[in-house]
């Protein structure tokens, strides 16, 4: 594989996740839009809400690893080289960040009123 083709990644993820891939992408796009809208409404980041969202993000990283183990044909004991461990760390990180953004936006919009500084 001499060149990096994004369509190959899309095909692999589509094969692994099936329709769940598109649901996850739509939820991610909506979460980012809600997060940006909340930043505009609150005119910044609310630290108390961010810390709570980050704590839930730790659990989101674990859930991402569980999903990865369910949809792949190998487990964590099959990880042999640095590339495998890098991928595991990357999946955890993406799951943690995505969960943090999603929960921060959900907590902010569910609180109702903008936070005043």
PDB file of N, CA and C in Angstrom:
ATOM      1  N   UNK A   1       0.849  -1.163   0.000  1.00  0.00           N
ATOM      2  CA  UNK A   1       0.000   0.000   0.000  1.00  0.00           C
ATOM      3  C   UNK A   1       0.900   1.233   0.000  1.00  0.00           C
ATOM      4  N   UNK A   2       1.115   1.788  -1.158  1.00  0.00           N
ATOM      5  CA  UNK A   2       2.046   2.902  -1.296  1.00  0.00           C
ATOM      6  C   UNK A   2       1.388   4.254  -1.102  1.00  0.00           C
ATOM      7  N   UNK A   3       0.089   4.325  -1.278  1.00  0.00           N
ATOM      8  CA  UNK A   3      -0.588   5.605  -1.094  1.00  0.00           C
ATOM      9  C   UNK A   3      -1.758   5.429  -0.133  1.00  0.00           C
ATOM     10  N   UNK A   4      -2.095   6.507   0.519  1.00  0.00           N
ATOM     11  CA  UNK A   4      -3.153   6.497   1.518  1.00  0.00           C
ATOM     12  C   UNK A   4      -4.467   6.908   0.862  1.00  0.00           C
ATOM     13  N   UNK A   5      -5.388   5.967   0.761  1.00  0.00           N
ATOM     14  CA  UNK A   5      -6.670   6.230   0.116  1.00  0.00           C
ATOM     15  C   UNK A   5      -7.775   6.233   1.173  1.00  0.00           C
ATOM     16  N   UNK A   6      -8.431   7.371   1.402  1.00  0.00           N
ATOM     17  CA  UNK A   6      -9.491   7.436   2.420  1.00  0.00           C
ATOM     18  C   UNK A   6     -10.657   6.493   2.132  1.00  0.00           C
ATOM     19  N   UNK A   7     -10.894   6.188   0.877  1.00  0.00           N
ATOM     20  CA  UNK A   7     -11.995   5.287   0.538  1.00  0.00           C
ATOM     21  C   UNK A   7     -11.739   3.866   1.049  1.00  0.00           C
ATOM     22  N   UNK A   8     -10.471   3.493   1.181  1.00  0.00           N
ATOM     23  CA  UNK A   8     -10.141   2.181   1.738  1.00  0.00           C
ATOM     24  C   UNK A   8     -10.555   2.144   3.214  1.00  0.00           C
ATOM     25  N   UNK A   9     -10.262   3.219   3.943  1.00  0.00           N
ATOM     26  CA  UNK A   9     -10.671   3.282   5.346  1.00  0.00           C
ATOM     27  C   UNK A   9     -12.189   3.246   5.470  1.00  0.00           C
ATOM     28  N   UNK A  10     -12.874   3.965   4.609  1.00  0.00           N
ATOM     29  CA  UNK A  10     -14.334   3.972   4.636  1.00  0.00           C
ATOM     30  C   UNK A  10     -14.877   2.564   4.385  1.00  0.00           C
ATOM     31  N   UNK A  11     -14.295   1.855   3.431  1.00  0.00           N
ATOM     32  CA  UNK A  11     -14.745   0.493   3.126  1.00  0.00           C
ATOM     33  C   UNK A  11     -14.488  -0.448   4.299  1.00  0.00           C
ATOM     34  N   UNK A  12     -13.340  -0.312   4.942  1.00  0.00           N
ATOM     35  CA  UNK A  12     -13.018  -1.179   6.081  1.00  0.00           C
ATOM     36  C   UNK A  12     -13.963  -0.895   7.245  1.00  0.00           C
ATOM     37  N   UNK A  13     -14.167   0.388   7.561  1.00  0.00           N
ATOM     38  CA  UNK A  13     -15.075   0.728   8.661  1.00  0.00           C
ATOM     39  C   UNK A  13     -16.510   0.324   8.346  1.00  0.00           C
ATOM     40  N   UNK A  14     -16.920   0.457   7.100  1.00  0.00           N
ATOM     41  CA  UNK A  14     -18.266   0.038   6.699  1.00  0.00           C
ATOM     42  C   UNK A  14     -18.423  -1.468   6.867  1.00  0.00           C
ATOM     43  N   UNK A  15     -17.393  -2.215   6.528  1.00  0.00           N
ATOM     44  CA  UNK A  15     -17.442  -3.667   6.676  1.00  0.00           C
ATOM     45  C   UNK A  15     -17.482  -4.070   8.150  1.00  0.00           C
ATOM     46  N   UNK A  16     -16.734  -3.357   8.986  1.00  0.00           N
ATOM     47  CA  UNK A  16     -16.666  -3.710  10.403  1.00  0.00           C
ATOM     48  C   UNK A  16     -17.919  -3.282  11.168  1.00  0.00           C
ATOM     49  N   UNK A  17     -18.386  -2.071  10.923  1.00  0.00           N
ATOM     50  CA  UNK A  17     -19.459  -1.503  11.730  1.00  0.00           C
ATOM     51  C   UNK A  17     -20.836  -1.600  11.099  1.00  0.00           C
ATOM     52  N   UNK A  18     -20.884  -1.769   9.772  1.00  0.00           N
ATOM     53  CA  UNK A  18     -22.166  -1.833   9.082  1.00  0.00           C
ATOM     54  C   UNK A  18     -22.916  -0.508   9.197  1.00  0.00           C
ATOM     55  N   UNK A  19     -24.226  -0.557   9.393  1.00  0.00           N
ATOM     56  CA  UNK A  19     -25.015   0.677   9.481  1.00  0.00           C
ATOM     57  C   UNK A  19     -24.670   1.527  10.703  1.00  0.00           C
ATOM     58  N   UNK A  20     -24.061   0.906  11.724  1.00  0.00           N
ATOM     59  CA  UNK A  20     -23.687   1.664  12.926  1.00  0.00           C
ATOM     60  C   UNK A  20     -22.664   2.752  12.598  1.00  0.00           C
ATOM     61  N   UNK A  21     -21.861   2.572  11.542  1.00  0.00           N
ATOM     62  CA  UNK A  21     -20.898   3.591  11.123  1.00  0.00           C
ATOM     63  C   UNK A  21     -21.605   4.896  10.798  1.00  0.00           C
ATOM     64  N   UNK A  22     -22.680   4.823  10.041  1.00  0.00           N
ATOM     65  CA  UNK A  22     -23.380   6.040   9.624  1.00  0.00           C
ATOM     66  C   UNK A  22     -24.100   6.690  10.795  1.00  0.00           C
ATOM     67  N   UNK A  23     -24.615   5.878  11.691  1.00  0.00           N
ATOM     68  CA  UNK A  23     -25.244   6.432  12.894  1.00  0.00           C
ATOM     69  C   UNK A  23     -24.203   7.172  13.733  1.00  0.00           C
ATOM     70  N   UNK A  24     -23.032   6.567  13.890  1.00  0.00           N
ATOM     71  CA  UNK A  24     -21.969   7.191  14.669  1.00  0.00           C
ATOM     72  C   UNK A  24     -21.494   8.495  14.022  1.00  0.00           C
ATOM     73  N   UNK A  25     -21.383   8.528  12.702  1.00  0.00           N
ATOM     74  CA  UNK A  25     -20.956   9.743  12.021  1.00  0.00           C
ATOM     75  C   UNK A  25     -21.993  10.856  12.145  1.00  0.00           C
ATOM     76  N   UNK A  26     -23.272  10.508  12.054  1.00  0.00           N
ATOM     77  CA  UNK A  26     -24.327  11.511  12.196  1.00  0.00           C
ATOM     78  C   UNK A  26     -24.358  12.053  13.625  1.00  0.00           C
ATOM     79  N   UNK A  27     -24.236  11.166  14.615  1.00  0.00           N
ATOM     80  CA  UNK A  27     -24.210  11.602  16.013  1.00  0.00           C
ATOM     81  C   UNK A  27     -22.998  12.492  16.269  1.00  0.00           C
ATOM     82  N   UNK A  28     -21.858  12.141  15.684  1.00  0.00           N
ATOM     83  CA  UNK A  28     -20.660  12.960  15.860  1.00  0.00           C
ATOM     84  C   UNK A  28     -20.841  14.348  15.259  1.00  0.00           C
ATOM     85  N   UNK A  29     -21.424  14.427  14.072  1.00  0.00           N
ATOM     86  CA  UNK A  29     -21.650  15.729  13.440  1.00  0.00           C
ATOM     87  C   UNK A  29     -22.628  16.569  14.253  1.00  0.00           C
ATOM     88  N   UNK A  30     -23.685  15.948  14.758  1.00  0.00           N
ATOM     89  CA  UNK A  30     -24.651  16.678  15.586  1.00  0.00           C
ATOM     90  C   UNK A  30     -24.026  17.126  16.905  1.00  0.00           C
ATOM     91  N   UNK A  31     -23.177  16.286  17.493  1.00  0.00           N
ATOM     92  CA  UNK A  31     -22.516  16.653  18.750  1.00  0.00           C
ATOM     93  C   UNK A  31     -21.584  17.837  18.562  1.00  0.00           C
ATOM     94  N   UNK A  32     -20.829  17.839  17.470  1.00  0.00           N
ATOM     95  CA  UNK A  32     -19.924  18.966  17.206  1.00  0.00           C
ATOM     96  C   UNK A  32     -20.718  20.245  16.965  1.00  0.00           C
ATOM     97  N   UNK A  33     -21.813  20.155  16.220  1.00  0.00           N
ATOM     98  CA  UNK A  33     -22.652  21.332  15.984  1.00  0.00           C
ATOM     99  C   UNK A  33     -23.251  21.838  17.290  1.00  0.00           C
ATOM    100  N   UNK A  34     -23.720  20.938  18.137  1.00  0.00           N
ATOM    101  CA  UNK A  34     -24.280  21.337  19.431  1.00  0.00           C
ATOM    102  C   UNK A  34     -23.212  21.953  20.320  1.00  0.00           C
ATOM    103  N   UNK A  35     -22.003  21.408  20.282  1.00  0.00           N
ATOM    104  CA  UNK A  35     -20.890  21.936  21.078  1.00  0.00           C
ATOM    105  C   UNK A  35     -20.526  23.352  20.639  1.00  0.00           C
ATOM    106  N   UNK A  36     -20.409  23.548  19.329  1.00  0.00           N
ATOM    107  CA  UNK A  36     -20.069  24.886  18.809  1.00  0.00           C
ATOM    108  C   UNK A  36     -21.190  25.877  19.135  1.00  0.00           C
ATOM    109  N   UNK A  37     -22.442  25.451  18.972  1.00  0.00           N
ATOM    110  CA  UNK A  37     -23.563  26.314  19.316  1.00  0.00           C
ATOM    111  C   UNK A  37     -23.568  26.689  20.782  1.00  0.00           C
ATOM    112  N   UNK A  38     -23.211  25.750  21.634  1.00  0.00           N
ATOM    113  CA  UNK A  38     -23.143  26.015  23.069  1.00  0.00           C
ATOM    114  C   UNK A  38     -22.007  26.977  23.404  1.00  0.00           C
ATOM    115  N   UNK A  39     -20.873  26.824  22.721  1.00  0.00           N
ATOM    116  CA  UNK A  39     -19.767  27.759  22.941  1.00  0.00           C
ATOM    117  C   UNK A  39     -20.168  29.182  22.574  1.00  0.00           C
ATOM    118  N   UNK A  40     -20.910  29.320  21.501  1.00  0.00           N
ATOM    119  CA  UNK A  40     -21.375  30.647  21.087  1.00  0.00           C
ATOM    120  C   UNK A  40     -22.363  31.191  22.110  1.00  0.00           C
ATOM    121  N   UNK A  41     -23.297  30.345  22.533  1.00  0.00           N
ATOM    122  CA  UNK A  41     -24.312  30.795  23.489  1.00  0.00           C
ATOM    123  C   UNK A  41     -23.699  31.205  24.823  1.00  0.00           C
ATOM    124  N   UNK A  42     -22.771  30.389  25.328  1.00  0.00           N
ATOM    125  CA  UNK A  42     -22.159  30.665  26.632  1.00  0.00           C
ATOM    126  C   UNK A  42     -20.957  31.601  26.541  1.00  0.00           C
ATOM    127  N   UNK A  43     -20.539  31.916  25.337  1.00  0.00           N
ATOM    128  CA  UNK A  43     -19.360  32.772  25.089  1.00  0.00           C
ATOM    129  C   UNK A  43     -18.095  32.224  25.742  1.00  0.00           C
ATOM    130  N   UNK A  44     -17.944  30.917  25.674  1.00  0.00           N
ATOM    131  CA  UNK A  44     -16.744  30.285  26.211  1.00  0.00           C
ATOM    132  C   UNK A  44     -17.064  28.932  26.808  1.00  0.00           C
ATOM    133  N   UNK A  45     -16.032  28.344  27.404  1.00  0.00           N
ATOM    134  CA  UNK A  45     -16.171  27.027  28.013  1.00  0.00           C
ATOM    135  C   UNK A  45     -16.429  27.195  29.506  1.00  0.00           C
ATOM    136  N   UNK A  46     -17.360  26.437  30.028  1.00  0.00           N
ATOM    137  CA  UNK A  46     -17.667  26.433  31.456  1.00  0.00           C
ATOM    138  C   UNK A  46     -16.851  25.322  32.095  1.00  0.00           C
ATOM    139  N   UNK A  47     -15.920  25.686  32.968  1.00  0.00           N
ATOM    140  CA  UNK A  47     -14.954  24.714  33.484  1.00  0.00           C
ATOM    141  C   UNK A  47     -15.600  23.603  34.301  1.00  0.00           C
ATOM    142  N   UNK A  48     -16.593  23.919  35.108  1.00  0.00           N
ATOM    143  CA  UNK A  48     -17.238  22.889  35.929  1.00  0.00           C
ATOM    144  C   UNK A  48     -17.889  21.825  35.031  1.00  0.00           C
ATOM    145  N   UNK A  49     -18.561  22.269  33.998  1.00  0.00           N
ATOM    146  CA  UNK A  49     -19.205  21.351  33.057  1.00  0.00           C
ATOM    147  C   UNK A  49     -18.154  20.536  32.304  1.00  0.00           C
ATOM    148  N   UNK A  50     -17.046  21.167  31.941  1.00  0.00           N
ATOM    149  CA  UNK A  50     -15.987  20.481  31.199  1.00  0.00           C
ATOM    150  C   UNK A  50     -15.359  19.369  32.032  1.00  0.00           C
ATOM    151  N   UNK A  51     -15.118  19.633  33.307  1.00  0.00           N
ATOM    152  CA  UNK A  51     -14.519  18.607  34.168  1.00  0.00           C
ATOM    153  C   UNK A  51     -15.445  17.405  34.294  1.00  0.00           C
ATOM    154  N   UNK A  52     -16.735  17.646  34.472  1.00  0.00           N
ATOM    155  CA  UNK A  52     -17.688  16.535  34.550  1.00  0.00           C
ATOM    156  C   UNK A  52     -17.734  15.755  33.242  1.00  0.00           C
ATOM    157  N   UNK A  53     -17.699  16.472  32.131  1.00  0.00           N
ATOM    158  CA  UNK A  53     -17.721  15.812  30.826  1.00  0.00           C
ATOM    159  C   UNK A  53     -16.444  14.994  30.609  1.00  0.00           C
ATOM    160  N   UNK A  54     -15.308  15.504  31.071  1.00  0.00           N
ATOM    161  CA  UNK A  54     -14.054  14.761  30.927  1.00  0.00           C
ATOM    162  C   UNK A  54     -14.077  13.476  31.747  1.00  0.00           C
ATOM    163  N   UNK A  55     -14.678  13.524  32.926  1.00  0.00           N
ATOM    164  CA  UNK A  55     -14.780  12.303  33.728  1.00  0.00           C
ATOM    165  C   UNK A  55     -15.617  11.245  33.012  1.00  0.00           C
ATOM    166  N   UNK A  56     -16.699  11.671  32.387  1.00  0.00           N
ATOM    167  CA  UNK A  56     -17.495  10.725  31.601  1.00  0.00           C
ATOM    168  C   UNK A  56     -16.751  10.289  30.339  1.00  0.00           C
ATOM    169  N   UNK A  57     -15.870  11.156  29.830  1.00  0.00           N
ATOM    170  CA  UNK A  57     -15.062  10.814  28.665  1.00  0.00           C
ATOM    171  C   UNK A  57     -14.139   9.637  28.931  1.00  0.00           C
ATOM    172  N   UNK A  58     -13.669   9.506  30.172  1.00  0.00           N
ATOM    173  CA  UNK A  58     -12.833   8.355  30.515  1.00  0.00           C
ATOM    174  C   UNK A  58     -13.603   7.056  30.300  1.00  0.00           C
ATOM    175  N   UNK A  59     -14.861   7.052  30.695  1.00  0.00           N
ATOM    176  CA  UNK A  59     -15.696   5.869  30.468  1.00  0.00           C
ATOM    177  C   UNK A  59     -15.988   5.673  28.982  1.00  0.00           C
ATOM    178  N   UNK A  60     -16.131   6.771  28.243  1.00  0.00           N
ATOM    179  CA  UNK A  60     -16.372   6.683  26.809  1.00  0.00           C
ATOM    180  C   UNK A  60     -15.218   6.031  26.071  1.00  0.00           C
ATOM    181  N   UNK A  61     -13.991   6.275  26.522  1.00  0.00           N
ATOM    182  CA  UNK A  61     -12.835   5.618  25.927  1.00  0.00           C
ATOM    183  C   UNK A  61     -12.871   4.117  26.142  1.00  0.00           C
ATOM    184  N   UNK A  62     -13.300   3.709  27.326  1.00  0.00           N
ATOM    185  CA  UNK A  62     -13.414   2.275  27.611  1.00  0.00           C
ATOM    186  C   UNK A  62     -14.497   1.651  26.742  1.00  0.00           C
ATOM    187  N   UNK A  63     -15.626   2.345  26.584  1.00  0.00           N
ATOM    188  CA  UNK A  63     -16.707   1.833  25.735  1.00  0.00           C
ATOM    189  C   UNK A  63     -16.223   1.704  24.290  1.00  0.00           C
ATOM    190  N   UNK A  64     -15.425   2.663  23.829  1.00  0.00           N
ATOM    191  CA  UNK A  64     -14.890   2.586  22.468  1.00  0.00           C
ATOM    192  C   UNK A  64     -14.006   1.356  22.300  1.00  0.00           C
ATOM    193  N   UNK A  65     -13.218   1.030  23.310  1.00  0.00           N
ATOM    194  CA  UNK A  65     -12.384  -0.176  23.242  1.00  0.00           C
ATOM    195  C   UNK A  65     -13.234  -1.440  23.230  1.00  0.00           C
ATOM    196  N   UNK A  66     -14.316  -1.447  23.998  1.00  0.00           N
ATOM    197  CA  UNK A  66     -15.201  -2.613  24.008  1.00  0.00           C
ATOM    198  C   UNK A  66     -15.854  -2.787  22.641  1.00  0.00           C
ATOM    199  N   UNK A  67     -16.301  -1.679  22.052  1.00  0.00           N
ATOM    200  CA  UNK A  67     -16.902  -1.757  20.713  1.00  0.00           C
ATOM    201  C   UNK A  67     -15.874  -2.255  19.707  1.00  0.00           C
ATOM    202  N   UNK A  68     -14.645  -1.753  19.800  1.00  0.00           N
ATOM    203  CA  UNK A  68     -13.596  -2.192  18.885  1.00  0.00           C
ATOM    204  C   UNK A  68     -13.355  -3.700  19.020  1.00  0.00           C
ATOM    205  N   UNK A  69     -13.329  -4.194  20.254  1.00  0.00           N
ATOM    206  CA  UNK A  69     -13.105  -5.629  20.460  1.00  0.00           C
ATOM    207  C   UNK A  69     -14.267  -6.460  19.921  1.00  0.00           C
ATOM    208  N   UNK A  70     -15.487  -5.912  19.986  1.00  0.00           N
ATOM    209  CA  UNK A  70     -16.651  -6.649  19.498  1.00  0.00           C
ATOM    210  C   UNK A  70     -16.699  -6.728  17.978  1.00  0.00           C
ATOM    211  N   UNK A  71     -16.301  -5.650  17.296  1.00  0.00           N
ATOM    212  CA  UNK A  71     -16.444  -5.626  15.842  1.00  0.00           C
ATOM    213  C   UNK A  71     -15.216  -6.169  15.103  1.00  0.00           C
ATOM    214  N   UNK A  72     -14.110  -6.353  15.801  1.00  0.00           N
ATOM    215  CA  UNK A  72     -12.930  -6.890  15.125  1.00  0.00           C
ATOM    216  C   UNK A  72     -12.803  -8.381  15.436  1.00  0.00           C
ATOM    217  N   UNK A  73     -12.001  -9.039  14.659  1.00  0.00           N
ATOM    218  CA  UNK A  73     -11.828 -10.480  14.842  1.00  0.00           C
ATOM    219  C   UNK A  73     -10.696 -10.804  15.811  1.00  0.00           C
ATOM    220  N   UNK A  74     -10.042  -9.799  16.332  1.00  0.00           N
ATOM    221  CA  UNK A  74      -8.945 -10.036  17.270  1.00  0.00           C
ATOM    222  C   UNK A  74      -9.232  -9.333  18.586  1.00  0.00           C
ATOM    223  N   UNK A  75      -8.547  -9.765  19.617  1.00  0.00           N
ATOM    224  CA  UNK A  75      -8.713  -9.177  20.942  1.00  0.00           C
ATOM    225  C   UNK A  75      -7.463  -8.421  21.346  1.00  0.00           C
ATOM    226  N   UNK A  76      -7.451  -7.953  22.572  1.00  0.00           N
ATOM    227  CA  UNK A  76      -6.310  -7.183  23.060  1.00  0.00           C
ATOM    228  C   UNK A  76      -5.077  -8.051  23.260  1.00  0.00           C
ATOM    229  N   UNK A  77      -5.268  -9.342  23.478  1.00  0.00           N
ATOM    230  CA  UNK A  77      -4.115 -10.230  23.651  1.00  0.00           C
ATOM    231  C   UNK A  77      -3.401 -10.489  22.330  1.00  0.00           C
ATOM    232  N   UNK A  78      -4.056 -10.163  21.211  1.00  0.00           N
ATOM    233  CA  UNK A  78      -3.438 -10.351  19.906  1.00  0.00           C
ATOM    234  C   UNK A  78      -2.549  -9.182  19.499  1.00  0.00           C
ATOM    235  N   UNK A  79      -2.569  -8.102  20.270  1.00  0.00           N
ATOM    236  CA  UNK A  79      -1.755  -6.933  19.935  1.00  0.00           C
ATOM    237  C   UNK A  79      -0.283  -7.293  20.126  1.00  0.00           C
ATOM    238  N   UNK A  80       0.478  -7.157  19.055  1.00  0.00           N
ATOM    239  CA  UNK A  80       1.860  -7.594  19.121  1.00  0.00           C
ATOM    240  C   UNK A  80       2.872  -6.488  18.976  1.00  0.00           C
ATOM    241  N   UNK A  81       2.636  -5.585  18.060  1.00  0.00           N
ATOM    242  CA  UNK A  81       3.631  -4.570  17.785  1.00  0.00           C
ATOM    243  C   UNK A  81       3.195  -3.189  18.228  1.00  0.00           C
ATOM    244  N   UNK A  82       4.096  -2.237  18.042  1.00  0.00           N
ATOM    245  CA  UNK A  82       3.783  -0.864  18.427  1.00  0.00           C
ATOM    246  C   UNK A  82       2.599  -0.280  17.656  1.00  0.00           C
ATOM    247  N   UNK A  83       2.425  -0.685  16.412  1.00  0.00           N
ATOM    248  CA  UNK A  83       1.303  -0.161  15.623  1.00  0.00           C
ATOM    249  C   UNK A  83      -0.025  -0.609  16.218  1.00  0.00           C
ATOM    250  N   UNK A  84      -0.084  -1.840  16.723  1.00  0.00           N
ATOM    251  CA  UNK A  84      -1.308  -2.328  17.356  1.00  0.00           C
ATOM    252  C   UNK A  84      -1.631  -1.530  18.615  1.00  0.00           C
ATOM    253  N   UNK A  85      -0.620  -1.291  19.426  1.00  0.00           N
ATOM    254  CA  UNK A  85      -0.845  -0.546  20.669  1.00  0.00           C
ATOM    255  C   UNK A  85      -1.163   0.920  20.382  1.00  0.00           C
ATOM    256  N   UNK A  86      -0.570   1.458  19.325  1.00  0.00           N
ATOM    257  CA  UNK A  86      -0.903   2.830  18.928  1.00  0.00           C
ATOM    258  C   UNK A  86      -2.363   2.921  18.500  1.00  0.00           C
ATOM    259  N   UNK A  87      -2.839   1.932  17.756  1.00  0.00           N
ATOM    260  CA  UNK A  87      -4.231   1.915  17.328  1.00  0.00           C
ATOM    261  C   UNK A  87      -5.183   1.784  18.521  1.00  0.00           C
ATOM    262  N   UNK A  88      -4.817   0.952  19.482  1.00  0.00           N
ATOM    263  CA  UNK A  88      -5.637   0.806  20.687  1.00  0.00           C
ATOM    264  C   UNK A  88      -5.697   2.130  21.443  1.00  0.00           C
ATOM    265  N   UNK A  89      -4.559   2.801  21.576  1.00  0.00           N
ATOM    266  CA  UNK A  89      -4.538   4.102  22.254  1.00  0.00           C
ATOM    267  C   UNK A  89      -5.336   5.144  21.472  1.00  0.00           C
ATOM    268  N   UNK A  90      -5.250   5.086  20.155  1.00  0.00           N
ATOM    269  CA  UNK A  90      -5.990   6.022  19.312  1.00  0.00           C
ATOM    270  C   UNK A  90      -7.501   5.815  19.445  1.00  0.00           C
ATOM    271  N   UNK A  91      -7.948   4.569  19.465  1.00  0.00           N
ATOM    272  CA  UNK A  91      -9.378   4.270  19.631  1.00  0.00           C
ATOM    273  C   UNK A  91      -9.847   4.774  20.994  1.00  0.00           C
ATOM    274  N   UNK A  92      -9.057   4.537  22.035  1.00  0.00           N
ATOM    275  CA  UNK A  92      -9.428   5.028  23.364  1.00  0.00           C
ATOM    276  C   UNK A  92      -9.515   6.558  23.366  1.00  0.00           C
ATOM    277  N   UNK A  93      -8.526   7.203  22.783  1.00  0.00           N
ATOM    278  CA  UNK A  93      -8.506   8.666  22.758  1.00  0.00           C
ATOM    279  C   UNK A  93      -9.674   9.260  21.997  1.00  0.00           C
ATOM    280  N   UNK A  94      -9.982   8.695  20.851  1.00  0.00           N
ATOM    281  CA  UNK A  94     -11.117   9.197  20.059  1.00  0.00           C
ATOM    282  C   UNK A  94     -12.425   8.987  20.815  1.00  0.00           C
ATOM    283  N   UNK A  95     -12.576   7.836  21.447  1.00  0.00           N
ATOM    284  CA  UNK A  95     -13.777   7.581  22.235  1.00  0.00           C
ATOM    285  C   UNK A  95     -13.904   8.538  23.409  1.00  0.00           C
ATOM    286  N   UNK A  96     -12.786   8.831  24.064  1.00  0.00           N
ATOM    287  CA  UNK A  96     -12.816   9.746  25.206  1.00  0.00           C
ATOM    288  C   UNK A  96     -13.154  11.168  24.769  1.00  0.00           C
ATOM    289  N   UNK A  97     -12.536  11.635  23.694  1.00  0.00           N
ATOM    290  CA  UNK A  97     -12.800  12.994  23.216  1.00  0.00           C
ATOM    291  C   UNK A  97     -14.235  13.123  22.707  1.00  0.00           C
ATOM    292  N   UNK A  98     -14.689  12.138  21.957  1.00  0.00           N
ATOM    293  CA  UNK A  98     -16.053  12.184  21.425  1.00  0.00           C
ATOM    294  C   UNK A  98     -17.085  12.183  22.550  1.00  0.00           C
ATOM    295  N   UNK A  99     -16.867  11.371  23.561  1.00  0.00           N
ATOM    296  CA  UNK A  99     -17.790  11.329  24.687  1.00  0.00           C
ATOM    297  C   UNK A  99     -17.759  12.632  25.469  1.00  0.00           C
ATOM    298  N   UNK A 100     -16.580  13.217  25.619  1.00  0.00           N
ATOM    299  CA  UNK A 100     -16.471  14.495  26.321  1.00  0.00           C
ATOM    300  C   UNK A 100     -17.246  15.582  25.597  1.00  0.00           C
ATOM    301  N   UNK A 101     -17.076  15.676  24.288  1.00  0.00           N
ATOM    302  CA  UNK A 101     -17.788  16.694  23.513  1.00  0.00           C
ATOM    303  C   UNK A 101     -19.294  16.455  23.575  1.00  0.00           C
ATOM    304  N   UNK A 102     -19.713  15.220  23.418  1.00  0.00           N
ATOM    305  CA  UNK A 102     -21.140  14.895  23.432  1.00  0.00           C
ATOM    306  C   UNK A 102     -21.770  15.198  24.787  1.00  0.00           C
ATOM    307  N   UNK A 103     -21.110  14.794  25.870  1.00  0.00           N
ATOM    308  CA  UNK A 103     -21.697  15.028  27.195  1.00  0.00           C
ATOM    309  C   UNK A 103     -21.638  16.494  27.588  1.00  0.00           C
ATOM    310  N   UNK A 104     -20.588  17.204  27.204  1.00  0.00           N
ATOM    311  CA  UNK A 104     -20.510  18.643  27.491  1.00  0.00           C
ATOM    312  C   UNK A 104     -21.672  19.367  26.809  1.00  0.00           C
ATOM    313  N   UNK A 105     -21.905  19.043  25.554  1.00  0.00           N
ATOM    314  CA  UNK A 105     -23.003  19.686  24.820  1.00  0.00           C
ATOM    315  C   UNK A 105     -24.346  19.297  25.413  1.00  0.00           C
ATOM    316  N   UNK A 106     -24.526  18.030  25.752  1.00  0.00           N
ATOM    317  CA  UNK A 106     -25.800  17.582  26.322  1.00  0.00           C
ATOM    318  C   UNK A 106     -26.064  18.254  27.666  1.00  0.00           C
ATOM    319  N   UNK A 107     -25.043  18.322  28.517  1.00  0.00           N
ATOM    320  CA  UNK A 107     -25.225  18.969  29.821  1.00  0.00           C
ATOM    321  C   UNK A 107     -25.525  20.455  29.669  1.00  0.00           C
ATOM    322  N   UNK A 108     -24.869  21.091  28.715  1.00  0.00           N
ATOM    323  CA  UNK A 108     -25.083  22.521  28.516  1.00  0.00           C
ATOM    324  C   UNK A 108     -26.465  22.846  27.993  1.00  0.00           C
ATOM    325  N   UNK A 109     -26.923  22.074  27.021  1.00  0.00           N
ATOM    326  CA  UNK A 109     -28.240  22.361  26.454  1.00  0.00           C
ATOM    327  C   UNK A 109     -29.355  21.914  27.382  1.00  0.00           C
ATOM    328  N   UNK A 110     -29.107  20.907  28.213  1.00  0.00           N
ATOM    329  CA  UNK A 110     -30.148  20.465  29.140  1.00  0.00           C
ATOM    330  C   UNK A 110     -30.280  21.404  30.332  1.00  0.00           C
ATOM    331  N   UNK A 111     -29.236  22.181  30.626  1.00  0.00           N
ATOM    332  CA  UNK A 111     -29.323  23.122  31.758  1.00  0.00           C
ATOM    333  C   UNK A 111     -30.287  24.268  31.446  1.00  0.00           C
ATOM    334  N   UNK A 112     -30.498  24.546  30.182  1.00  0.00           N
ATOM    335  CA  UNK A 112     -31.503  25.538  29.812  1.00  0.00           C
ATOM    336  C   UNK A 112     -30.975  26.936  29.638  1.00  0.00           C
ATOM    337  N   UNK A 113     -30.404  27.505  30.660  1.00  0.00           N
ATOM    338  CA  UNK A 113     -29.973  28.890  30.599  1.00  0.00           C
ATOM    339  C   UNK A 113     -28.481  28.992  30.349  1.00  0.00           C
ATOM    340  N   UNK A 114     -28.069  30.044  29.629  1.00  0.00           N
ATOM    341  CA  UNK A 114     -26.637  30.239  29.437  1.00  0.00           C
ATOM    342  C   UNK A 114     -25.959  30.560  30.775  1.00  0.00           C
ATOM    343  N   UNK A 115     -24.741  30.116  30.889  1.00  0.00           N
ATOM    344  CA  UNK A 115     -23.979  30.389  32.098  1.00  0.00           C
ATOM    345  C   UNK A 115     -23.440  31.811  32.029  1.00  0.00           C
ATOM    346  N   UNK A 116     -23.663  32.551  33.078  1.00  0.00           N
ATOM    347  CA  UNK A 116     -23.184  33.939  33.087  1.00  0.00           C
ATOM    348  C   UNK A 116     -21.831  33.993  33.749  1.00  0.00           C
ATOM    349  N   UNK A 117     -20.987  34.834  33.236  1.00  0.00           N
ATOM    350  CA  UNK A 117     -19.621  34.966  33.774  1.00  0.00           C
ATOM    351  C   UNK A 117     -19.520  36.202  34.635  1.00  0.00           C
TER     352      UNK A 117
END
